[in-house]
Amino acid sequence: MIRKIIQIDSEKCNGCGACATACHEGAIAMVDGKARLMHDDYCDGLGDCLPHCPTNAITFIEREAVAYDEEAVKKHMAAQGRVYRGRCPGSQARSLEPAETVPAGTPDMPSRLSQWPVQLKLVPPHAPYFNGASLLIAADCTAYAYARFHEDFIKGRITLIGCPKLDDIDYAEKLTEIIRQNDIQDLTLVRMEVPCCGGLEMAAKRALQQSGKVIPMNVYTISLDGKIKA
């Protein structure tokens, strides 16, 4: 079958082993000082290993590969004396059903979030909710600074959040894969006015360029006092 699976660039790999530790299924092992995907059927394609690679040596590709085999993974982990804890629930892609309207007299505003996960590091690039989506990329702090964030930005969009300063990774590659592999209709980026948020904006613009697609993109900057800057 043709499916999405990780690929490890041995030239970029520095042999740190972080990806092998991060893999919940034991699909990655260190061989001669380099990370290697040992069994296709152990790789679930969620990409938990990607954000742990400091050299961006891991990417997603589509190729002929056997299907993920959870039973084989359980036996493999047991043979190694390791406990299989199942797929990371925080990385499992799922669609949500946000409220369409707010009933009269309701004091609380409903959540407009339509999918999980939302952390850019955790989201699988091939999640089904990406196809035909309007994509929102937002800096972590924006939802705290801007009071109407759910209504004005999350509503009707697939949401990805991150902080280029705290996460200490380059988002461009992950965003490139998401844009390249899916039918993204448009992109909205929301950032704070602080300089470090510029990294998120630059990553999104670079991802658009690297994807080879022409997709409309709007950038909104939130001030520290919670207003949209002109």
Protein backbone atom coordinates (compact mmCIF):
# COMPACT_ATOMS: atom_id res chain seq x y z
CA MET A 1 0.00 0.00 0.00
CA ILE A 2 1.04 3.61 -0.55
CA ARG A 3 1.05 5.52 2.73
CA LYS A 4 2.82 8.30 4.58
CA ILE A 5 5.82 7.21 6.59
CA ILE A 6 8.93 8.81 8.02
CA GLN A 7 12.22 9.08 6.17
CA ILE A 8 15.56 9.67 7.94
CA ASP A 9 18.34 11.55 6.16
CA SER A 10 21.54 9.89 7.40
CA GLU A 11 23.62 12.84 6.23
CA LYS A 12 21.71 15.22 8.52
CA CYS A 13 21.46 12.76 11.44
CA ASN A 14 23.93 13.60 14.21
CA GLY A 15 23.38 10.36 16.11
CA CYS A 16 21.83 11.93 19.21
CA GLY A 17 19.20 9.17 19.49
CA ALA A 18 16.41 11.53 20.55
CA CYS A 19 14.08 10.23 17.85
CA ALA A 20 14.57 6.61 18.90
CA THR A 21 13.67 7.53 22.47
CA ALA A 22 10.63 9.54 21.34
CA CYS A 23 9.22 6.75 19.16
CA HIS A 24 6.48 5.01 21.15
CA GLU A 25 6.57 1.93 18.93
CA GLY A 26 10.30 1.20 18.81
CA ALA A 27 10.37 1.65 15.05
CA ILE A 28 13.63 3.63 15.13
CA ALA A 29 16.98 2.26 16.29
CA MET A 30 20.55 3.51 16.28
CA VAL A 31 22.79 1.66 13.82
CA ASP A 32 26.44 2.61 13.46
CA GLY A 33 25.76 5.92 15.17
CA LYS A 34 22.85 6.85 12.94
CA ALA A 35 19.08 6.67 13.39
CA ARG A 36 17.36 4.16 11.14
CA LEU A 37 13.73 3.16 10.57
CA MET A 38 13.92 -0.57 11.26
CA HIS A 39 10.39 -1.76 10.47
CA ASP A 40 7.75 -0.05 8.36
CA ASP A 41 4.95 -1.85 10.18
CA TYR A 42 6.09 -0.36 13.51
CA CYS A 43 5.77 3.22 12.23
CA ASP A 44 2.27 4.65 12.73
CA GLY A 45 3.02 7.78 10.71
CA LEU A 46 2.05 10.22 13.49
CA GLY A 47 5.52 11.72 13.58
CA ASP A 48 6.14 11.92 17.34
CA CYS A 49 9.83 11.69 16.47
CA LEU A 50 9.92 14.78 14.20
CA PRO A 51 9.96 17.54 16.82
CA HIS A 52 12.69 15.76 18.79
CA CYS A 53 15.21 15.79 15.92
CA PRO A 54 17.56 18.78 16.36
CA THR A 55 18.87 18.61 12.78
CA ASN A 56 15.55 18.20 10.90
CA ALA A 57 16.77 14.87 9.54
CA ILE A 58 13.27 13.32 9.67
CA THR A 59 10.55 14.07 7.15
CA PHE A 60 7.35 12.46 5.89
CA ILE A 61 7.21 10.82 2.49
CA GLU A 62 4.63 8.75 0.61
CA ARG A 63 5.85 5.36 -0.57
CA GLU A 64 5.00 1.69 -0.75
CA ALA A 65 4.95 0.37 2.82
CA VAL A 66 3.15 -2.29 4.79
CA ALA A 67 0.37 -1.10 7.08
CA TYR A 68 0.99 -0.20 10.69
CA ASP A 69 0.66 -3.34 12.82
CA GLU A 70 -0.15 -2.61 16.46
CA GLU A 71 -0.01 -6.28 17.45
CA ALA A 72 3.50 -6.61 16.00
CA VAL A 73 4.53 -3.52 17.93
CA LYS A 74 3.21 -5.02 21.19
CA LYS A 75 5.23 -8.18 20.66
CA HIS A 76 8.31 -6.20 19.70
CA MET A 77 8.11 -4.02 22.81
CA ALA A 78 7.49 -7.07 25.05
CA ALA A 79 10.54 -8.83 23.59
CA GLN A 80 12.63 -5.81 24.55
CA GLY A 81 11.21 -5.75 28.04
CA ARG A 82 9.48 -2.44 27.37
CA VAL A 83 5.88 -1.57 28.16
CA TYR A 84 3.73 -0.64 25.17
CA ARG A 85 1.47 2.20 26.23
CA GLY A 86 -0.37 2.63 22.96
CA ARG A 87 -0.33 5.58 20.64
CA CYS A 88 0.23 8.89 22.36
CA PRO A 89 -3.32 10.21 23.01
CA GLY A 90 -2.08 13.77 22.74
CA SER A 91 -1.01 13.16 19.14
CA GLN A 92 -4.12 11.34 17.97
CA ALA A 93 -5.87 13.35 15.28
CA ARG A 94 -9.55 13.88 15.90
CA SER A 95 -12.28 16.20 14.71
CA LEU A 96 -14.44 18.10 17.19
CA GLU A 97 -17.91 19.58 16.82
CA PRO A 98 -17.93 23.22 17.91
CA ALA A 99 -21.28 24.92 18.52
CA GLU A 100 -22.69 26.69 15.47
CA THR A 101 -24.78 29.15 17.46
CA VAL A 102 -24.96 30.46 21.00
CA PRO A 103 -28.38 29.98 22.66
CA ALA A 104 -30.02 33.15 23.96
CA GLY A 105 -29.19 33.87 27.56
CA THR A 106 -26.07 31.68 27.54
CA PRO A 107 -23.47 33.43 29.72
CA ASP A 108 -20.47 31.43 28.46
CA MET A 109 -19.07 31.58 24.95
CA PRO A 110 -18.63 28.13 23.36
CA SER A 111 -15.32 26.82 22.14
CA ARG A 112 -14.81 27.14 18.37
CA LEU A 113 -11.99 24.61 18.26
CA SER A 114 -12.72 22.04 15.56
CA GLN A 115 -9.79 19.59 15.84
CA TRP A 116 -7.13 18.07 18.10
CA PRO A 117 -4.20 18.30 18.62
CA VAL A 118 -3.44 21.99 18.17
CA GLN A 119 0.27 22.09 19.03
CA LEU A 120 2.22 22.40 15.80
CA LYS A 121 4.82 19.95 17.12
CA LEU A 122 2.18 17.26 17.71
CA VAL A 123 -0.21 17.53 14.78
CA PRO A 124 0.17 14.82 12.10
CA PRO A 125 0.67 16.46 8.67
CA HIS A 126 -1.72 14.03 6.98
CA ALA A 127 -4.66 14.45 9.40
CA PRO A 128 -7.94 14.27 7.42
CA TYR A 129 -9.24 17.59 8.73
CA PHE A 130 -6.56 19.47 6.76
CA ASN A 131 -8.09 18.77 3.36
CA GLY A 132 -10.10 21.76 2.15
CA ALA A 133 -9.24 23.65 5.35
CA SER A 134 -8.71 27.27 6.15
CA LEU A 135 -5.56 27.13 8.26
CA LEU A 136 -4.85 29.26 11.33
CA ILE A 137 -1.26 29.47 12.59
CA ALA A 138 -1.09 31.35 15.88
CA ALA A 139 1.57 32.24 18.40
CA ASP A 140 0.78 30.81 21.83
CA CYS A 141 0.32 34.18 23.51
CA THR A 142 -2.21 35.59 21.05
CA ALA A 143 -5.20 33.74 22.49
CA TYR A 144 -4.41 35.19 25.94
CA ALA A 145 -3.91 38.74 24.70
CA TYR A 146 -6.86 38.97 22.30
CA ALA A 147 -10.21 38.44 24.06
CA ARG A 148 -12.29 37.42 21.01
CA PHE A 149 -9.75 34.92 19.70
CA HIS A 150 -12.19 32.01 19.33
CA GLU A 151 -14.84 34.03 17.54
CA ASP A 152 -12.57 36.09 15.30
CA PHE A 153 -9.84 33.58 14.45
CA ILE A 154 -10.48 29.95 15.49
CA LYS A 155 -14.06 29.76 14.22
CA GLY A 156 -14.19 28.00 10.86
CA ARG A 157 -10.46 27.25 10.79
CA ILE A 158 -8.07 24.44 11.62
CA THR A 159 -5.84 25.76 14.38
CA LEU A 160 -2.09 25.29 14.90
CA ILE A 161 -0.24 27.01 17.73
CA GLY A 162 3.41 27.36 18.66
CA CYS A 163 6.10 29.60 20.09
CA PRO A 164 9.27 29.96 18.01
CA LYS A 165 11.23 31.10 21.06
CA LEU A 166 10.22 28.42 23.58
CA ASP A 167 9.86 25.43 21.24
CA ASP A 168 13.35 25.93 19.80
CA ILE A 169 12.58 24.21 16.48
CA ASP A 170 12.16 25.36 12.91
CA TYR A 171 8.47 25.10 12.05
CA ALA A 172 9.01 25.61 8.32
CA GLU A 173 9.53 21.94 7.47
CA LYS A 174 6.42 20.74 9.33
CA LEU A 175 4.30 23.51 7.81
CA THR A 176 5.70 22.74 4.35
CA GLU A 177 4.56 19.13 4.68
CA ILE A 178 1.09 20.16 5.84
CA ILE A 179 0.63 22.60 2.96
CA ARG A 180 2.18 20.33 0.35
CA GLN A 181 0.22 17.21 1.27
CA ASN A 182 -3.20 18.80 1.73
CA ASP A 183 -5.66 21.02 -0.09
CA ILE A 184 -5.28 24.12 2.10
CA GLN A 185 -7.64 26.90 0.95
CA ASP A 186 -6.11 29.86 2.76
CA LEU A 187 -3.81 30.67 5.65
CA THR A 188 -4.24 33.11 8.53
CA LEU A 189 -1.29 33.85 10.80
CA VAL A 190 -1.75 35.62 14.14
CA ARG A 191 1.31 36.81 16.03
CA MET A 192 2.18 39.17 18.85
CA GLU A 193 3.96 42.46 18.23
CA VAL A 194 7.09 41.24 20.06
CA PRO A 195 10.11 40.51 17.80
CA CYS A 196 10.42 36.81 18.66
CA CYS A 197 7.04 36.16 17.02
CA GLY A 198 8.63 37.09 13.72
CA GLY A 199 10.09 33.59 13.60
CA LEU A 200 6.62 32.09 13.27
CA GLU A 201 5.69 34.45 10.45
CA MET A 202 8.94 33.76 8.60
CA ALA A 203 8.46 30.00 8.97
CA ALA A 204 4.96 30.20 7.49
CA LYS A 205 6.13 32.31 4.54
CA ARG A 206 9.05 29.97 3.90
CA ALA A 207 6.74 26.96 4.06
CA LEU A 208 4.45 28.49 1.45
CA GLN A 209 7.42 29.10 -0.81
CA GLN A 210 8.85 25.61 -0.31
CA SER A 211 5.48 23.95 -0.91
CA GLY A 212 5.34 25.35 -4.43
CA LYS A 213 1.70 26.36 -3.94
CA VAL A 214 0.05 29.75 -4.26
CA ILE A 215 -2.27 30.17 -1.27
CA PRO A 216 -3.63 33.47 0.08
CA MET A 217 -2.16 34.39 3.45
CA ASN A 218 -3.23 37.09 5.90
CA VAL A 219 -1.10 38.17 8.85
CA TYR A 220 -2.57 39.82 11.97
CA THR A 221 -0.44 41.34 14.71
CA ILE A 222 -1.79 41.61 18.25
CA SER A 223 -0.53 44.38 20.52
CA LEU A 224 0.39 43.77 24.14
CA ASP A 225 -2.83 45.50 25.21
CA GLY A 226 -4.91 43.05 23.19
CA LYS A 227 -5.72 45.02 20.03
CA ILE A 228 -5.21 44.18 16.37
CA LYS A 229 -2.56 46.51 15.02
CA ALA A 230 -3.29 48.26 11.75
